[in-house]
Protein backbone atom coordinates (compact mmCIF):
# COMPACT_ATOMS: atom_id res chain seq x y z
CA MET A 1 -0.94 6.00 23.58
CA ASN A 2 3.03 7.32 23.55
CA LEU A 3 6.08 5.52 24.78
CA ALA A 4 5.73 6.76 28.61
CA ASP A 5 2.70 5.71 28.90
CA MET A 6 3.22 2.67 27.80
CA LEU A 7 6.22 2.77 30.03
CA SER A 8 4.21 3.10 32.60
CA TYR A 9 1.51 0.70 32.69
CA ALA A 10 4.39 -1.62 32.25
CA ASP A 11 5.27 -3.95 34.51
CA ILE A 12 9.17 -3.94 36.64
CA HIS A 13 10.26 -7.08 35.03
CA ASP A 14 9.73 -5.38 31.20
CA LEU A 15 10.96 -2.16 32.35
CA SER A 16 14.59 -3.87 33.36
CA ARG A 17 14.16 -5.94 30.00
CA ILE A 18 13.99 -2.68 27.80
CA ALA A 19 16.40 -0.64 29.80
CA GLY A 20 19.07 -3.52 30.00
CA THR A 21 18.77 -3.46 26.35
CA TYR A 22 19.21 0.07 25.87
CA HIS A 23 22.23 -0.33 28.93
CA CYS A 24 20.67 2.51 31.38
CA GLU A 25 22.01 2.27 34.33
CA CYS A 26 20.12 3.00 37.14
CA ASN A 27 18.68 1.32 39.87
CA ASP A 28 16.57 -1.38 38.38
CA HIS A 29 14.06 -2.41 41.58
CA SER A 30 13.04 1.76 41.42
CA LYS A 31 9.98 2.02 38.20
CA HIS A 32 10.46 5.12 38.39
CA GLU A 33 14.04 5.38 37.43
CA LEU A 34 13.56 2.74 34.85
CA ILE A 35 11.08 4.99 32.90
CA GLN A 36 13.17 8.12 33.41
CA SER A 37 16.15 6.53 32.06
CA ILE A 38 14.16 4.84 29.18
CA LEU A 39 12.94 7.38 27.80
CA SER A 40 16.09 9.53 28.07
CA ARG A 41 18.00 7.03 25.95
CA VAL A 42 15.57 6.51 23.98
CA GLY A 43 14.79 9.99 23.30
CA ARG A 44 18.35 10.45 22.24
CA SER A 45 18.56 10.62 18.36
CA ASP A 46 21.84 8.96 18.37
CA VAL A 47 20.86 6.42 19.93
CA PHE A 48 17.34 5.70 18.18
CA GLU A 49 18.68 6.37 14.53
CA ARG A 50 21.66 3.35 15.83
CA TYR A 51 18.94 0.46 16.33
CA VAL A 52 16.88 1.96 13.33
CA ASP A 53 20.02 1.57 11.43
CA GLU A 54 20.69 -2.38 12.62
CA LEU A 55 17.05 -3.91 11.29
CA THR A 56 17.49 -5.76 8.74
CA ILE A 57 15.33 -6.16 6.20
CA GLU A 58 12.76 -8.21 7.71
CA ASP A 59 12.74 -5.87 10.39
CA ILE A 60 12.09 -3.16 7.95
CA ARG A 61 8.99 -4.79 6.38
CA PHE A 62 7.60 -6.35 9.71
CA LEU A 63 8.06 -2.43 11.22
CA ASN A 64 6.53 -0.82 7.70
CA SER A 65 4.03 -3.41 8.14
CA LEU A 66 2.93 -1.30 11.03
CA LEU A 67 3.76 2.06 10.42
CA PHE A 68 0.92 3.43 8.36
CA ASP A 69 -1.68 0.84 9.41
CA GLN A 70 -4.23 2.81 12.14
CA ARG A 71 -5.90 0.40 14.37
CA GLY A 72 -4.54 0.34 17.81
CA SER A 73 -3.61 -3.13 18.84
CA PHE A 74 -2.95 -6.16 17.41
CA SER A 75 -3.46 -10.23 18.02
CA LEU A 76 -0.44 -12.19 18.63
CA GLU A 77 -1.39 -14.28 15.30
CA GLU A 78 -2.06 -10.63 12.74
CA LEU A 79 2.11 -10.17 14.34
CA LEU A 80 3.30 -13.41 13.67
CA ALA A 81 2.23 -13.22 9.86
CA ARG A 82 3.03 -10.59 9.36
CA VAL A 83 6.99 -11.47 10.55
CA GLN A 84 6.74 -14.70 7.86
CA GLN A 85 5.02 -12.85 5.28
CA SER A 86 9.02 -10.30 5.82
CA LYS A 87 10.48 -12.78 4.83
CA PHE A 88 10.31 -13.12 1.16
CA VAL A 89 12.76 -16.19 0.78
CA LYS A 90 13.29 -18.94 2.76
CA ASP A 91 16.36 -20.51 3.27
CA GLU A 92 16.61 -24.04 3.58
CA ALA A 93 19.74 -24.12 6.24
CA GLU A 94 17.97 -21.42 8.43
CA THR A 95 16.22 -24.26 10.07
CA ASP A 96 16.16 -22.17 13.65
CA TRP A 97 14.45 -19.08 12.25
CA ASN A 98 11.22 -18.73 14.27
CA PRO A 99 8.57 -15.46 14.10
CA ARG A 100 8.83 -15.15 17.05
CA GLU A 101 11.60 -13.90 18.71
CA MET A 102 11.38 -10.99 15.92
CA ILE A 103 8.93 -9.62 18.67
CA THR A 104 10.46 -9.93 21.65
CA ARG A 105 13.03 -8.59 20.10
CA PHE A 106 10.81 -5.78 19.17
CA LYS A 107 9.04 -5.80 23.08
CA HIS A 108 12.98 -5.26 24.59
CA ARG A 109 13.28 -2.72 22.57
CA GLY A 110 10.66 -1.19 23.87
CA TRP A 111 8.75 -0.81 19.86
CA LEU A 112 6.17 -3.49 20.63
CA PHE A 113 3.82 -3.54 24.38
CA ASN A 114 0.84 -5.39 25.85
CA GLY A 115 -2.12 -3.95 26.02
CA HIS A 116 -3.01 -3.18 29.99
CA SER A 117 -6.44 -3.86 30.51
CA GLN A 118 -8.41 -6.47 30.75
CA GLN A 119 -9.75 -6.21 26.98
CA THR A 120 -6.59 -5.42 25.16
CA ARG A 121 -3.63 -7.70 27.61
CA TYR A 122 -3.47 -10.41 25.27
CA LEU A 123 -3.49 -7.29 22.20
CA PHE A 124 0.42 -5.43 21.00
CA GLN A 125 0.64 -1.82 20.40
CA ILE A 126 3.42 0.41 19.34
CA PRO A 127 4.00 3.51 20.52
CA ALA A 128 2.48 6.35 18.29
CA ASP A 129 5.32 8.85 18.99
CA LEU A 130 7.62 6.20 17.83
CA LYS A 131 5.74 5.41 14.81
CA ARG A 132 5.99 9.02 13.66
CA ARG A 133 10.00 8.66 14.84
CA PHE A 134 10.57 5.54 12.44
CA ILE A 135 8.74 7.44 9.75
CA THR A 136 10.89 10.09 10.14
CA ALA A 137 13.87 8.27 10.65
CA LEU A 138 13.07 5.50 7.43
CA SER A 139 12.50 8.42 5.43
CA LYS A 140 15.39 10.45 5.96
CA ARG A 141 17.40 6.55 5.03
CA PHE A 142 15.29 6.62 1.97
CA GLU A 143 15.38 10.14 0.95
CA GLU A 144 19.12 9.74 0.78
CA ARG A 145 18.80 6.82 -1.75
CA MET A 146 16.71 9.24 -4.58
CA LEU A 147 18.02 10.25 -6.97
CA LEU A 148 16.47 13.78 -7.80
CA THR A 149 16.07 15.63 -11.26
CA ASP A 150 14.70 18.52 -13.26
CA GLU A 151 11.28 18.34 -14.71
CA PRO A 152 10.98 16.62 -17.60
CA SER A 153 10.35 18.23 -21.17
CA VAL A 154 7.98 15.62 -21.85
CA TYR A 155 5.23 13.70 -18.82
CA ARG A 156 2.43 12.15 -19.18
CA ASP A 157 -0.13 13.31 -16.25
CA GLU A 158 -3.44 12.17 -16.94
CA GLN A 159 -5.03 14.04 -14.04
CA LYS A 160 -8.87 12.96 -13.82
CA LEU A 161 -8.99 11.54 -17.44
CA ILE A 162 -10.41 7.86 -15.22
CA LEU A 163 -13.44 9.54 -13.97
CA ASP A 164 -14.52 11.06 -17.91
CA ASP A 165 -13.36 7.57 -19.37
CA ILE A 166 -15.90 6.05 -16.66
CA TRP A 167 -18.79 7.49 -17.55
CA HIS A 168 -17.90 7.20 -21.40
CA PHE A 169 -17.77 3.50 -20.45
CA LEU A 170 -21.68 4.16 -18.63
CA HIS A 171 -22.67 6.65 -21.63
CA TYR A 172 -21.69 3.55 -24.39
CA LEU A 173 -24.03 0.87 -22.30
CA GLN A 174 -27.17 3.32 -22.39
CA GLY A 175 -27.43 3.15 -25.85
CA GLN A 176 -27.53 -0.66 -26.11
CA GLU A 177 -27.36 -3.44 -24.23
CA VAL A 178 -24.39 -5.86 -24.81
CA MET A 179 -23.95 -9.60 -25.40
CA LEU A 180 -21.13 -11.84 -23.24
CA THR A 181 -19.90 -14.70 -23.46
CA SER A 182 -20.51 -17.86 -21.57
CA GLU A 183 -17.67 -16.77 -19.39
CA LEU A 184 -19.10 -13.44 -19.06
CA VAL A 185 -16.84 -11.66 -20.97
CA MET A 186 -17.45 -8.98 -23.78
CA TYR A 187 -17.01 -9.85 -27.66
CA LYS A 188 -14.23 -8.32 -29.11
CA ARG A 189 -16.37 -5.80 -31.44
CA ASN A 190 -18.05 -4.90 -28.67
CA LEU A 191 -14.70 -4.16 -26.31
CA GLN A 192 -12.98 -2.27 -29.01
CA GLN A 193 -15.49 -0.18 -29.55
CA ILE A 194 -15.82 0.83 -26.41
CA LEU A 195 -11.70 1.29 -25.83
CA GLU A 196 -11.49 3.52 -28.60
CA ARG A 197 -14.07 5.94 -26.78
CA LEU A 198 -11.91 5.64 -24.13
CA ALA A 199 -9.31 8.77 -23.97
CA VAL A 200 -6.19 6.24 -22.78
CA ARG A 201 -5.93 4.04 -25.39
CA GLU A 202 -5.42 0.67 -24.75
CA GLU A 203 -4.99 -2.57 -27.02
CA PRO A 204 -7.27 -5.88 -26.04
CA VAL A 205 -5.26 -8.72 -24.30
CA GLY A 206 -3.51 -11.34 -26.15
CA LYS A 207 -2.30 -14.77 -25.35
CA THR A 208 0.02 -14.61 -22.15
CA ALA A 209 1.11 -16.95 -19.77
CA TRP A 210 -0.74 -15.69 -16.84
CA ARG A 211 -2.69 -12.99 -15.92
CA PHE A 212 -4.98 -12.91 -12.91
CA GLY A 213 -4.93 -10.93 -9.30
CA TYR A 214 -5.83 -8.16 -10.35
CA GLY A 215 -9.39 -8.00 -10.47
CA ARG A 216 -11.72 -9.45 -11.44
CA MET A 217 -11.66 -9.40 -15.18
CA PHE A 218 -8.04 -8.59 -15.45
CA ARG A 219 -8.00 -12.01 -17.35
CA ASP A 220 -9.38 -10.68 -19.92
CA TYR A 221 -9.61 -7.05 -20.55
CA PRO A 222 -6.27 -4.32 -20.52
CA ASN A 223 -5.18 -3.49 -17.37
CA ARG A 224 -6.96 -0.33 -17.00
CA PHE A 225 -10.03 -0.54 -18.62
CA SER A 226 -10.72 -3.89 -16.56
CA PHE A 227 -10.04 -1.96 -13.39
CA ILE A 228 -12.72 0.25 -15.13
CA TYR A 229 -15.11 -2.14 -15.65
CA ASP A 230 -14.73 -3.63 -11.92
CA TYR A 231 -14.47 -0.32 -10.22
CA CYS A 232 -18.24 0.05 -12.47
CA TYR A 233 -19.24 -3.67 -11.22
CA PHE A 234 -18.42 -3.61 -7.73
CA SER A 235 -20.18 0.04 -7.01
CA ASP A 236 -23.38 -1.11 -8.54
CA LEU A 237 -23.27 0.74 -11.93
CA ILE A 238 -23.39 -2.02 -14.62
CA THR A 239 -25.29 -5.63 -14.34
CA GLU A 240 -24.18 -8.56 -15.89
CA HIS A 241 -27.85 -10.52 -15.59
CA HIS A 242 -28.69 -13.21 -17.81
CA GLN A 243 -24.96 -12.80 -19.82
CA VAL A 244 -25.99 -9.19 -20.44
CA LEU A 245 -24.49 -6.35 -19.56
CA ALA A 246 -26.43 -3.28 -18.76
CA LEU A 247 -26.50 -0.74 -16.88
CA THR A 248 -28.39 -0.33 -13.33
CA GLU A 249 -30.44 2.46 -12.13
CA ARG A 250 -27.81 3.38 -10.02
CA GLY A 251 -25.21 3.48 -13.25
CA LYS A 252 -28.79 5.19 -15.92
CA ALA A 253 -28.65 8.30 -13.13
CA ALA A 254 -25.05 8.74 -12.82
CA VAL A 255 -24.99 9.34 -17.17
CA ILE A 256 -28.20 11.11 -17.23
CA GLU A 257 -27.30 13.42 -14.63
CA ASN A 258 -23.56 13.40 -16.23
CA ARG A 259 -22.44 12.64 -12.62
CA LYS A 260 -18.73 11.39 -12.98
CA GLU A 261 -17.49 9.61 -9.72
CA ASP A 262 -15.00 10.94 -6.39
CA PRO A 263 -11.77 10.12 -6.69
CA VAL A 264 -11.17 9.16 -4.02
CA HIS A 265 -13.59 6.83 -4.48
CA VAL A 266 -11.75 5.22 -7.01
CA TYR A 267 -8.50 6.02 -5.55
CA ARG A 268 -10.00 3.67 -2.61
CA PHE A 269 -11.22 0.92 -4.87
CA TRP A 270 -7.68 0.31 -6.24
CA LEU A 271 -6.42 0.08 -3.06
CA ARG A 272 -8.71 -2.60 -2.14
CA LEU A 273 -9.16 -4.52 -5.35
CA TYR A 274 -5.19 -4.45 -5.55
CA LYS A 275 -3.74 -5.33 -1.94
CA GLY A 276 -4.32 -8.93 -2.39
CA PRO A 277 -1.46 -9.71 -4.76
CA ILE A 278 0.48 -6.47 -2.86
CA PRO A 279 -0.32 -6.40 0.87
CA GLN A 280 2.07 -3.91 0.84
CA LEU A 281 0.21 -1.31 -1.30
CA GLN A 282 -1.23 1.32 0.85
CA SER A 283 2.02 1.60 2.86
CA ILE A 284 4.46 1.70 -0.15
CA VAL A 285 1.78 4.50 -1.62
CA GLN A 286 2.43 6.05 1.56
CA TRP A 287 6.75 6.08 0.84
CA LEU A 288 5.84 7.28 -3.01
CA ASN A 289 4.09 10.63 -1.75
CA ARG A 290 6.74 11.28 0.35
CA LEU A 291 9.87 10.65 -1.76
CA GLY A 292 8.00 11.45 -5.38
CA GLY A 293 7.26 15.52 -4.04
CA SER A 294 10.47 16.44 -6.37
CA TRP A 295 10.83 14.48 -9.62
CA VAL A 296 12.27 10.96 -9.26
CA THR A 297 14.52 8.44 -10.91
CA LEU A 298 12.39 5.97 -11.28
CA SER A 299 15.45 3.51 -10.82
CA SER A 300 16.41 5.17 -7.52
CA LEU A 301 12.80 4.07 -5.77
CA LYS A 302 13.56 0.64 -7.53
CA GLU A 303 15.88 0.08 -5.25
CA THR A 304 14.86 1.99 -2.48
CA LEU A 305 11.28 0.52 -1.73
CA GLY A 306 11.95 -2.80 -4.48
CA PRO A 307 12.92 -4.45 -1.22
CA LEU A 308 9.57 -4.13 0.69
CA ILE A 309 7.66 -5.68 -2.24
CA ARG A 310 6.79 -9.18 -2.07
CA PRO A 311 6.59 -10.85 -5.71
CA PHE A 312 3.74 -12.30 -6.74
CA TYR A 313 3.96 -15.29 -8.63
CA TYR A 314 5.60 -14.11 -11.77
CA ASP A 315 5.52 -10.51 -11.59
CA SER A 316 8.55 -8.91 -9.54
CA ALA A 317 8.96 -6.16 -7.28
CA ASP A 318 10.02 -4.68 -9.80
CA ALA A 319 7.66 -5.53 -12.10
CA ILE A 320 4.97 -4.53 -9.42
CA LEU A 321 6.14 -1.44 -8.38
CA GLU A 322 6.46 0.15 -12.44
CA GLN A 323 3.29 -2.02 -13.64
CA ARG A 324 0.85 -2.45 -10.63
CA ILE A 325 1.48 0.75 -8.52
CA LEU A 326 3.31 3.38 -10.39
CA GLN A 327 1.05 2.92 -14.28
CA MET A 328 -1.96 2.53 -12.22
CA MET A 329 -1.69 5.48 -10.20
CA MET A 330 -1.10 7.60 -12.75
CA HIS A 331 -3.85 6.53 -14.21
CA LEU A 332 -5.52 7.21 -10.98
CA GLY A 333 -4.41 10.61 -11.85
CA LEU A 334 -2.25 10.52 -8.34
CA LEU A 335 1.21 11.59 -10.35
CA ARG A 336 3.55 11.85 -13.36
CA ILE A 337 5.51 9.87 -15.43
CA GLY A 338 8.23 11.05 -17.58
CA GLU A 339 11.50 10.22 -19.48
CA ASP A 340 14.68 12.03 -18.74
CA GLU A 341 17.37 11.88 -21.52
CA HIS A 342 20.21 10.75 -19.15
CA LYS A 343 18.06 9.53 -15.91
CA GLY A 344 15.66 7.22 -17.47
CA THR A 345 12.17 7.10 -16.38
CA VAL A 346 11.39 9.58 -13.92
CA ILE A 347 8.03 10.55 -11.14
CA GLN A 348 6.51 12.46 -9.38
CA ILE A 349 2.99 12.95 -7.15
CA SER A 350 0.44 15.47 -8.29
CA LYS A 351 -0.44 17.78 -5.62
CA LEU A 352 -4.08 16.06 -6.18
CA GLY A 353 -2.32 12.34 -5.99
CA SER A 354 -0.52 13.98 -1.94
CA ARG A 355 -4.17 15.68 -1.17
CA ILE A 356 -5.89 11.98 -1.86
CA ILE A 357 -3.34 9.66 -0.45
CA GLU A 358 -2.82 11.72 3.04
CA GLY A 359 -6.98 12.20 3.59
CA THR A 360 -7.87 8.61 2.72
CA TYR A 361 -7.17 4.94 4.38
CA VAL A 362 -8.72 1.64 4.18
CA PRO A 363 -8.54 -0.80 6.51
CA ASP A 364 -6.86 -4.19 5.97
CA GLU A 365 -10.19 -5.51 7.51
CA ASN A 366 -11.93 -4.25 4.97
CA PRO A 367 -10.92 -6.71 2.17
CA LEU A 368 -12.90 -6.96 -1.68
CA VAL A 369 -14.19 -10.50 -2.59
CA LEU A 370 -13.69 -11.12 -5.97
CA ASP A 371 -16.52 -13.72 -7.00
CA VAL A 372 -14.74 -15.98 -9.42
């Protein structure tokens, strides 16, 4: 529903509070006048954009968690959890911070409403037309910070290479059974043989202080291949029965039929796999699609989107954006990464990437459970 619809269902006390927020001059005993006055004020671009400009970074993070969520309603518990997640650094001196205050403030501005039916009265909704206006207003703000560049002389565009390499991995397993360690990890010789077959070369993982969070086999295999392995495992293409890595019947059929995976399925899997450590992943990708149609600098993306990304243990927001999001999106064929002589690293969303991102949504309630 749009704002006008939600206002019509709101009681007169809620309408009076919203009208007071926007300094509406009208008869506060007339529901019709209140609604018309609120719509008139909120409908003005200068008024709406002023309130958007006054948002704190926590407000923007909370709003960002809602804008690209296609569900119509949220429970109070869900909203409170999202508000709490919006505060990355807890200030010891700020003992009176209350997440409910942000929800109340959004309600008083007419940005959140309780449902009107018996089933939805305890749920909260954001007007659909305001969602679109928020996205437009924030896009304008973010675009002003983008530093555009010409096409670099050299850039990486992996297109659909990951689909080929998934097949090459399966093809390798067709001819032999690969023994696994007691921790279900391939031995170095087999791993090296597989990595040498892939179009995008990676080195085996060395001894590092930590590697966890980004997949079932992320600790043991390099970033791109660990993703390929996890995709094959969760897609029932491979099995690890009795410490032997082998193809399933579905995996055998894919090799025999020379069948490549659907890039949309691979992208959806990445969203599910990485959204545990990066809860904001889906919205960040949506912003990248809006901001990266032309070549833009990595530094301006970090400055703009970095504050929306919650650090994950030793991964800073910048590291997550660069290594976990942009690098993986390049591997998935969603974007190109190049180097500008003067402006450093630059990126551009590919046409394939834009089409996949715009047409794909993964619900938050569809998590991937890692069985480790």
